[in-house]
Each structure stands twice: as C-alpha cells, then as structure tokens.
Amino acid sequence: MNLDNLYKVLEGQPKYRTQQAQDVIFKKLASDWSEATNLSKELKEKLNKECPLEIKGEIFTSQNSETSKVLITLIDGLQIESVLLPHKDGRFTVCVSTQVGCPLACKFCATGKMGLKRNLDYNEMIEQVLFFSRYLAKENKKVSNVVYMGMGEPFLNYDNVMKSIKYINEYLQIGARRISVSTSGILEGIKKLSDEKMQINLAISLHAPNDKLRSELMPINKGFNIAKVLAEVDNYIIKTGRRVMFEYLMIRGVNDQPKHALELADLMRKHLYMVNLISYNPTDVFKASSSKDIKKFREILEQEGVAVTQRYSFGQDIEAACGQLANKNIKV
C-alpha cells in the first residue's frame, strides 16, 4: 500500500473520492480494491495497479498464548516483524517496527545484531496495524492499542513515525492516549514529542540503574547517558504533564539484584515516573531473571516509593517477545 500513489491516482477526481477510498482501506479493511462497492470498475483496476492493498505477511501464533507475530515482506524484498499482544480485558495491542534492523546494537536485543538496513516509511508502519486489524476483524475484534516498540529506534525515524501515528489516530480511530512510542533515549526525539499536540505516551528503554552497566548493555548510553535522558524527560513532563514509563528488562545476574533495585529507586522516585518491569526472554547471551528475584526487586521499588508495574512474557515460543524480533529466516 502506498497512500502517496493513492492520492496521485485520485487527482482530478471529485474530492469525496478520497474519503471513499480511505473508507475502503481503514473502515472496510479491504485487501483488494475489488471489494469497494462505490468506485467504478476502471478506477478500481487502476488503484489495484498503482496502489495495491495486499500485505504480504506470514503469521505465526503462539501455542502458549494468543500472541501472534507476522513476518511482512516489503516491496523491496526486505522483511520486518510485528506482534499482536492480547490482554485479559479483551484489548489487543500491536507492536510496530520502525526500521529494518536497528543501528543501536543493544546487547540483549536480537534486532540489534542485524544492523540497520533502512528506515520504514509511514505506509509500512500503517500496514502493520492494518494487517492485524484485518486479522481481528474476522472475529469481530479490533486493535485497541499501538506501541512503537518493535524493530528499530523510532526516534531515528521520527517524521515517518509521527505521520503513521496521525493516520492510525484519525482513520483507524485509535486514540492518541492508546498509542505509545519507546526510545532508548534520543534526546532530540523526546524534545520534539513534547511539542506535539497529540497526547501520545512516551516510554524510555532504561534497563540499568547506572551508566557503567547501561553502557555495557546499550552502547547509545555513551552519548545519551542516564542524567541527560532524565533531564530531557523532566522537561517533557513539565511541558505535557504526562506520565512516562521506564522499561526495565529483568536479566538474570546482570541487573536484577537488590543493589540494582535500590539504585534504580534513587533515579525513579519522581512524580509521573513509572517503572515497567519486563520478564526477559532468553537469548544465546542472557537468561531471564527468576520469578523470586523479580518479586523481590519489585517489592524493594515499592517500599522505596517508586510507582511500578510488571509485564509478563508474551510469545516466547514464536520469538515474538521483547528483544527477539529478528526471525531466523528473515531476508535482509
């Protein structure tokens, strides 16, 4: 799908044609223009040629949960992954990728091992949400939340990310407060987001309570250290009044001990800060923290007055979990 091509095809058409075409894509959730009942045969044929709606995706579903992962083949043959996360309350969240690969080389992340191939354009981000919207529509269900936490660093592709969010918000009617963007700490991106008019959620991938450990896990910390990131987050909170989520992967023997919890508490004991503890999914380098250690870690944070929540593992068996998005068969 290429919306720029769509608008070129519709140049010279009555203005209402654009709305009709958008309804076919975002309300009818059509995968072929032949499904449109309010367009001429000639126009549908031209749109199928110039702006096809097919999304080439191979889906994998977890045996342990309703989590699903799609491997999407892009127009140039490169591939990306996106994940559908179910929630007990009936909500469904799509985890969107923003780049093919990632340049940041975080030690715990499979995507980082791929390096960066290219940025995704806004159409390719929208397609990930459309794919799962079509998938869920077969069961009369809908995507309720979108998180930009898949492959890549969203703030290194800021303009395309924001353009895709505006479409998802307006045409798929997913509220801005149900859309989150996660960054490893790109200061310029945090600053830009604070000036946006939309009430989008900000999440920070922290994963360590001090610069030494964070630099070992996340090389980007050498340029954007914790103090700099937190200072920009504080500016964001002053401007927006919005809560910020700090993501913290629990990695066995690396960042999950009581001393780490106490260090983290010293950083996170602030108004509108919230820590999200995430059960890590084992890779060939690191292991997951034990449930006992995670429980103790959370208790320490709570005792120290830190707002904390906990996210459990999704889709480990299909490599759809946090840090695993880099399919063994992916073509790059």
Protein backbone atom coordinates (compact mmCIF):
# COMPACT_ATOMS: atom_id res chain seq x y z
CA MET A 1 0.00 0.00 0.00
CA ASN A 2 1.24 3.45 -0.89
CA LEU A 3 -1.01 6.33 0.12
CA ASP A 4 1.04 8.84 -1.87
CA ASN A 5 0.26 6.84 -5.02
CA LEU A 6 -3.39 6.70 -4.00
CA TYR A 7 -3.66 10.49 -3.87
CA LYS A 8 -1.90 10.79 -7.25
CA VAL A 9 -4.41 8.42 -8.84
CA LEU A 10 -7.29 10.42 -7.37
CA GLU A 11 -6.01 13.78 -8.64
CA GLY A 12 -8.75 15.33 -10.76
CA GLN A 13 -11.43 13.14 -9.15
CA PRO A 14 -14.22 14.71 -7.06
CA LYS A 15 -12.99 15.42 -3.52
CA TYR A 16 -15.34 12.85 -1.99
CA ARG A 17 -13.50 10.09 -3.85
CA THR A 18 -10.57 10.45 -1.46
CA GLN A 19 -12.85 9.89 1.52
CA GLN A 20 -14.45 6.90 -0.20
CA ALA A 21 -11.03 5.38 -0.89
CA GLN A 22 -9.87 5.96 2.68
CA ASP A 23 -13.04 4.29 3.96
CA VAL A 24 -12.26 1.23 1.83
CA ILE A 25 -8.79 0.98 3.40
CA PHE A 26 -9.44 1.94 7.01
CA LYS A 27 -13.11 1.13 7.67
CA LYS A 28 -13.90 -1.71 5.30
CA LEU A 29 -10.34 -3.03 5.85
CA ALA A 30 -10.30 -4.30 2.28
CA SER A 31 -7.33 -6.24 0.96
CA ASP A 32 -8.28 -5.63 -2.70
CA TRP A 33 -9.95 -2.66 -4.40
CA SER A 34 -12.48 -5.04 -5.98
CA GLU A 35 -14.17 -5.06 -2.56
CA ALA A 36 -15.11 -1.39 -2.98
CA THR A 37 -18.77 -1.04 -3.96
CA ASN A 38 -18.79 2.72 -4.54
CA LEU A 39 -15.96 3.04 -7.08
CA SER A 40 -16.06 2.46 -10.83
CA LYS A 41 -14.59 -0.68 -12.33
CA GLU A 42 -11.99 1.36 -14.21
CA LEU A 43 -10.88 3.22 -11.08
CA LYS A 44 -10.66 0.01 -9.05
CA GLU A 45 -8.47 -1.57 -11.71
CA LYS A 46 -6.18 1.46 -11.74
CA LEU A 47 -5.96 1.51 -7.95
CA ASN A 48 -5.13 -2.20 -7.84
CA LYS A 49 -2.26 -1.48 -10.20
CA GLU A 50 -0.97 1.77 -8.68
CA CYS A 51 -1.87 1.26 -5.00
CA PRO A 52 -2.43 -2.44 -4.25
CA LEU A 53 -3.82 -3.21 -0.78
CA GLU A 54 -2.30 -6.65 -0.37
CA ILE A 55 0.05 -7.04 2.60
CA LYS A 56 2.41 -9.96 2.16
CA GLY A 57 2.53 -11.41 5.65
CA GLU A 58 3.19 -14.84 7.11
CA ILE A 59 1.62 -15.24 10.55
CA PHE A 60 2.86 -17.31 13.50
CA THR A 61 0.64 -17.94 16.53
CA SER A 62 1.90 -18.90 19.99
CA GLN A 63 0.76 -22.21 21.47
CA ASN A 64 1.10 -20.76 24.97
CA SER A 65 -1.00 -17.64 24.46
CA GLU A 66 -2.97 -15.78 21.80
CA THR A 67 0.13 -13.79 20.86
CA SER A 68 0.74 -13.66 17.11
CA LYS A 69 3.70 -12.50 15.06
CA VAL A 70 3.67 -11.55 11.40
CA LEU A 71 6.66 -11.61 9.07
CA ILE A 72 5.95 -8.97 6.44
CA THR A 73 7.78 -8.91 3.11
CA LEU A 74 8.20 -5.34 1.91
CA ILE A 75 8.12 -4.10 -1.67
CA ASP A 76 11.93 -4.31 -1.98
CA GLY A 77 12.03 -7.86 -0.60
CA LEU A 78 13.28 -6.90 2.85
CA GLN A 79 11.33 -8.27 5.81
CA ILE A 80 10.15 -6.97 9.16
CA GLU A 81 8.23 -8.40 12.09
CA SER A 82 5.27 -7.08 14.03
CA VAL A 83 3.43 -8.57 17.01
CA LEU A 84 -0.16 -8.73 18.23
CA LEU A 85 -0.44 -8.88 22.02
CA PRO A 86 -3.73 -9.96 23.65
CA HIS A 87 -4.80 -8.71 27.08
CA LYS A 88 -7.04 -10.35 29.65
CA ASP A 89 -9.52 -7.47 29.47
CA GLY A 90 -10.14 -8.06 25.76
CA ARG A 91 -7.82 -5.38 24.39
CA PHE A 92 -5.34 -6.07 21.61
CA THR A 93 -2.05 -4.20 21.19
CA VAL A 94 0.02 -4.11 18.00
CA CYS A 95 3.78 -3.74 18.46
CA VAL A 96 5.06 -1.81 15.43
CA SER A 97 8.55 -1.89 13.89
CA THR A 98 10.00 1.37 12.58
CA GLN A 99 13.22 0.22 10.88
CA VAL A 100 14.53 -2.83 9.06
CA GLY A 101 17.05 -3.86 11.69
CA CYS A 102 18.49 -1.34 14.15
CA PRO A 103 21.77 0.59 14.39
CA LEU A 104 21.98 0.71 18.21
CA ALA A 105 23.34 -2.80 18.85
CA CYS A 106 21.88 -3.28 22.34
CA LYS A 107 23.46 -6.46 23.72
CA PHE A 108 20.16 -8.05 24.79
CA CYS A 109 18.32 -7.41 21.51
CA ALA A 110 18.25 -9.78 18.55
CA THR A 111 17.29 -6.98 16.16
CA GLY A 112 20.45 -5.07 17.04
CA LYS A 113 22.58 -7.91 15.70
CA MET A 114 21.15 -7.29 12.23
CA GLY A 115 22.44 -3.75 11.94
CA LEU A 116 20.36 -1.14 10.11
CA LYS A 117 19.20 -1.80 6.56
CA ARG A 118 16.85 1.16 6.17
CA ASN A 119 14.08 3.20 7.73
CA LEU A 120 10.48 2.19 7.14
CA ASP A 121 8.22 4.76 5.53
CA TYR A 122 4.93 5.69 7.16
CA ASN A 123 2.94 3.41 4.85
CA GLU A 124 4.92 0.39 6.02
CA MET A 125 4.17 1.21 9.66
CA ILE A 126 0.46 1.68 8.96
CA GLU A 127 0.42 -1.67 7.14
CA GLN A 128 1.48 -3.49 10.30
CA VAL A 129 -1.56 -2.19 12.15
CA LEU A 130 -3.80 -2.77 9.12
CA PHE A 131 -2.63 -6.38 8.86
CA PHE A 132 -3.76 -7.16 12.38
CA SER A 133 -6.91 -5.04 12.03
CA ARG A 134 -7.94 -7.26 9.13
CA TYR A 135 -6.91 -10.35 11.07
CA LEU A 136 -9.01 -9.44 14.11
CA ALA A 137 -11.99 -8.24 12.06
CA LYS A 138 -12.65 -11.85 11.05
CA GLU A 139 -13.59 -12.47 14.70
CA ASN A 140 -15.34 -9.10 15.14
CA LYS A 141 -12.45 -7.80 17.24
CA LYS A 142 -10.38 -4.64 16.93
CA VAL A 143 -6.91 -3.30 17.60
CA SER A 144 -7.22 -1.08 20.66
CA ASN A 145 -3.61 -0.01 21.35
CA VAL A 146 -0.45 0.57 19.33
CA VAL A 147 3.11 0.60 20.67
CA TYR A 148 6.15 1.58 18.64
CA MET A 149 8.43 -0.92 20.36
CA GLY A 150 9.30 -3.37 17.60
CA MET A 151 12.37 -3.49 15.39
CA GLY A 152 14.34 -0.25 15.28
CA GLU A 153 14.63 3.03 17.18
CA PRO A 154 11.50 5.13 16.48
CA PHE A 155 13.14 8.49 17.12
CA LEU A 156 15.77 7.82 14.44
CA ASN A 157 12.81 7.78 12.01
CA TYR A 158 10.76 10.48 13.70
CA ASP A 159 8.87 12.04 10.80
CA ASN A 160 7.61 8.74 9.40
CA VAL A 161 6.61 7.56 12.88
CA MET A 162 4.57 10.70 13.53
CA LYS A 163 2.92 10.61 10.12
CA SER A 164 1.88 6.99 10.66
CA ILE A 165 0.52 7.84 14.12
CA LYS A 166 -1.65 10.61 12.69
CA TYR A 167 -3.20 8.19 10.18
CA ILE A 168 -3.72 5.49 12.80
CA ASN A 169 -5.30 8.02 15.13
CA GLU A 170 -7.57 9.68 12.56
CA TYR A 171 -8.52 6.88 10.19
CA LEU A 172 -8.28 3.74 12.35
CA GLN A 173 -9.70 5.79 15.22
CA ILE A 174 -7.22 4.62 17.84
CA GLY A 175 -6.94 7.34 20.48
CA ALA A 176 -3.60 9.09 20.95
CA ARG A 177 -3.61 8.07 24.60
CA ARG A 178 -3.63 4.46 23.41
CA ILE A 179 -0.51 4.98 21.32
CA SER A 180 2.98 4.72 22.86
CA VAL A 181 6.45 5.37 21.47
CA SER A 182 9.51 3.81 23.06
CA THR A 183 13.00 5.26 22.75
CA SER A 184 16.41 4.24 24.00
CA GLY A 185 17.00 7.89 24.84
CA ILE A 186 17.25 10.01 21.68
CA LEU A 187 17.11 13.46 23.27
CA GLU A 188 16.00 15.33 20.17
CA GLY A 189 13.10 12.92 19.70
CA ILE A 190 11.92 13.33 23.30
CA LYS A 191 12.08 17.11 22.88
CA LYS A 192 10.13 17.01 19.60
CA LEU A 193 7.46 14.76 21.12
CA SER A 194 6.97 17.20 23.98
CA ASP A 195 5.98 19.83 21.41
CA GLU A 196 3.45 17.63 19.60
CA LYS A 197 -0.22 18.49 20.08
CA MET A 198 -1.22 14.82 20.35
CA GLN A 199 -1.28 13.12 23.77
CA ILE A 200 0.98 10.23 22.81
CA ASN A 201 2.60 8.14 25.56
CA LEU A 202 6.38 8.15 25.97
CA ALA A 203 8.36 5.13 27.14
CA ILE A 204 12.10 5.04 27.86
CA SER A 205 14.15 1.85 27.47
CA LEU A 206 16.33 2.13 30.57
CA HIS A 207 17.31 -1.42 31.58
CA ALA A 208 20.07 -0.39 34.01
CA PRO A 209 20.33 1.86 37.07
CA ASN A 210 23.79 3.31 36.38
CA ASP A 211 25.84 4.48 33.41
CA LYS A 212 28.51 1.81 33.63
CA LEU A 213 26.07 -1.08 33.32
CA ARG A 214 23.80 0.71 30.85
CA SER A 215 26.75 1.49 28.56
CA GLU A 216 27.69 -2.20 28.60
CA LEU A 217 24.15 -3.22 27.64
CA MET A 218 23.28 -0.23 25.43
CA PRO A 219 26.18 1.47 23.63
CA ILE A 220 23.97 4.51 22.95
CA ASN A 221 24.35 5.42 26.63
CA LYS A 222 27.87 6.64 25.93
CA GLY A 223 26.36 9.58 24.05
CA PHE A 224 22.98 9.84 25.78
CA ASN A 225 23.69 8.95 29.40
CA ILE A 226 21.09 8.49 32.12
CA ALA A 227 21.41 12.02 33.52
CA LYS A 228 20.88 13.59 30.08
CA VAL A 229 17.91 11.35 29.33
CA LEU A 230 16.22 12.03 32.68
CA ALA A 231 16.77 15.77 32.30
CA GLU A 232 15.00 15.72 28.92
CA VAL A 233 12.24 13.52 30.36
CA ASP A 234 11.74 16.05 33.16
CA ASN A 235 11.38 18.80 30.55
CA TYR A 236 8.85 16.62 28.71
CA ILE A 237 6.81 16.16 31.89
CA ILE A 238 6.88 19.90 32.64
CA LYS A 239 5.57 20.64 29.12
CA THR A 240 3.00 17.87 28.84
CA GLY A 241 2.05 16.84 32.39
CA ARG A 242 2.07 13.25 31.15
CA ARG A 243 3.38 10.15 32.91
CA VAL A 244 6.49 8.50 31.45
CA MET A 245 7.08 4.75 31.50
CA PHE A 246 10.61 3.43 32.10
CA GLU A 247 11.07 -0.06 30.70
CA TYR A 248 13.39 -2.34 32.61
CA LEU A 249 14.23 -5.82 31.29
CA MET A 250 14.95 -8.25 34.12
CA ILE A 251 18.15 -10.09 33.14
CA ARG A 252 19.47 -12.79 35.46
CA GLY A 253 22.58 -11.81 37.37
CA VAL A 254 23.05 -8.66 35.32
CA ASN A 255 20.60 -6.00 36.54
CA ASP A 256 18.18 -7.84 38.84
CA GLN A 257 19.81 -7.80 42.27
CA PRO A 258 18.63 -5.81 45.35
CA LYS A 259 21.52 -3.35 44.94
CA HIS A 260 20.26 -2.59 41.43
CA ALA A 261 16.73 -2.07 42.74
CA LEU A 262 17.96 0.42 45.33
CA GLU A 263 19.99 2.30 42.70
CA LEU A 264 17.00 2.36 40.40
CA ALA A 265 14.76 3.65 43.18
CA ASP A 266 17.05 6.65 43.64
CA LEU A 267 16.50 7.54 39.98
CA MET A 268 12.80 6.75 39.73
CA ARG A 269 11.36 8.25 42.90
CA LYS A 270 9.79 11.12 40.99
CA HIS A 271 6.30 12.41 40.19
CA LEU A 272 4.89 10.93 36.95
CA TYR A 273 7.69 8.35 36.66
CA MET A 274 6.63 4.71 36.43
CA VAL A 275 8.86 1.64 36.11
CA ASN A 276 7.67 -1.27 33.97
CA LEU A 277 9.49 -4.49 34.88
CA ILE A 278 9.63 -6.83 31.89
CA SER A 279 10.40 -10.54 32.12
CA TYR A 280 13.31 -11.05 29.73
CA ASN A 281 13.15 -13.80 27.17
CA PRO A 282 16.31 -15.90 27.00
CA THR A 283 18.76 -15.43 24.14
CA ASP A 284 22.13 -17.02 23.47
CA VAL A 285 23.76 -14.33 25.63
CA PHE A 286 21.48 -13.68 28.62
CA LYS A 287 19.00 -15.55 30.81
CA ALA A 288 15.71 -14.47 32.35
CA SER A 289 15.57 -13.41 35.99
CA SER A 290 13.86 -15.87 38.32
CA SER A 291 10.32 -15.08 39.44
CA LYS A 292 11.69 -14.89 43.01
CA ASP A 293 14.24 -12.22 42.06
CA ILE A 294 11.67 -10.23 40.11
CA LYS A 295 9.26 -10.33 43.04
CA LYS A 296 11.97 -9.13 45.43
CA PHE A 297 13.07 -6.41 43.00
CA ARG A 298 9.52 -5.12 42.70
CA GLU A 299 8.99 -5.18 46.45
CA ILE A 300 12.10 -3.06 47.00
CA LEU A 301 10.94 -0.48 44.45
CA GLU A 302 7.50 -0.30 46.04
CA GLN A 303 8.98 0.02 49.52
CA GLU A 304 11.13 2.87 48.24
CA GLY A 305 8.08 4.73 46.96
CA VAL A 306 8.50 4.01 43.24
CA ALA A 307 5.44 3.52 41.02
CA VAL A 308 5.93 0.13 39.40
CA THR A 309 4.08 -2.29 37.17
CA GLN A 310 5.08 -5.63 35.71
CA ARG A 311 4.75 -7.04 32.21
CA TYR A 312 4.90 -10.74 31.69
CA SER A 313 6.37 -12.64 28.77
CA PHE A 314 4.39 -12.95 25.55
CA GLY A 315 5.08 -15.22 22.61
CA GLN A 316 8.43 -16.62 23.61
CA ASP A 317 7.81 -19.83 21.67
CA ILE A 318 7.40 -17.91 18.39
CA GLU A 319 10.23 -15.46 19.18
CA ALA A 320 7.74 -12.61 19.38
CA ALA A 321 8.81 -11.36 22.79
CA CYS A 322 10.80 -8.32 23.78
CA GLY A 323 14.27 -8.36 22.23
CA GLN A 324 13.54 -11.35 20.00
CA LEU A 325 12.31 -9.67 16.82
CA ALA A 326 14.75 -10.96 14.23
CA ASN A 327 13.34 -14.07 12.62
CA LYS A 328 15.94 -16.71 11.79
CA ASN A 329 14.58 -16.84 8.24
CA ILE A 330 14.38 -13.08 7.79
CA LYS A 331 15.74 -11.80 4.49
CA VAL A 332 17.93 -8.72 4.80
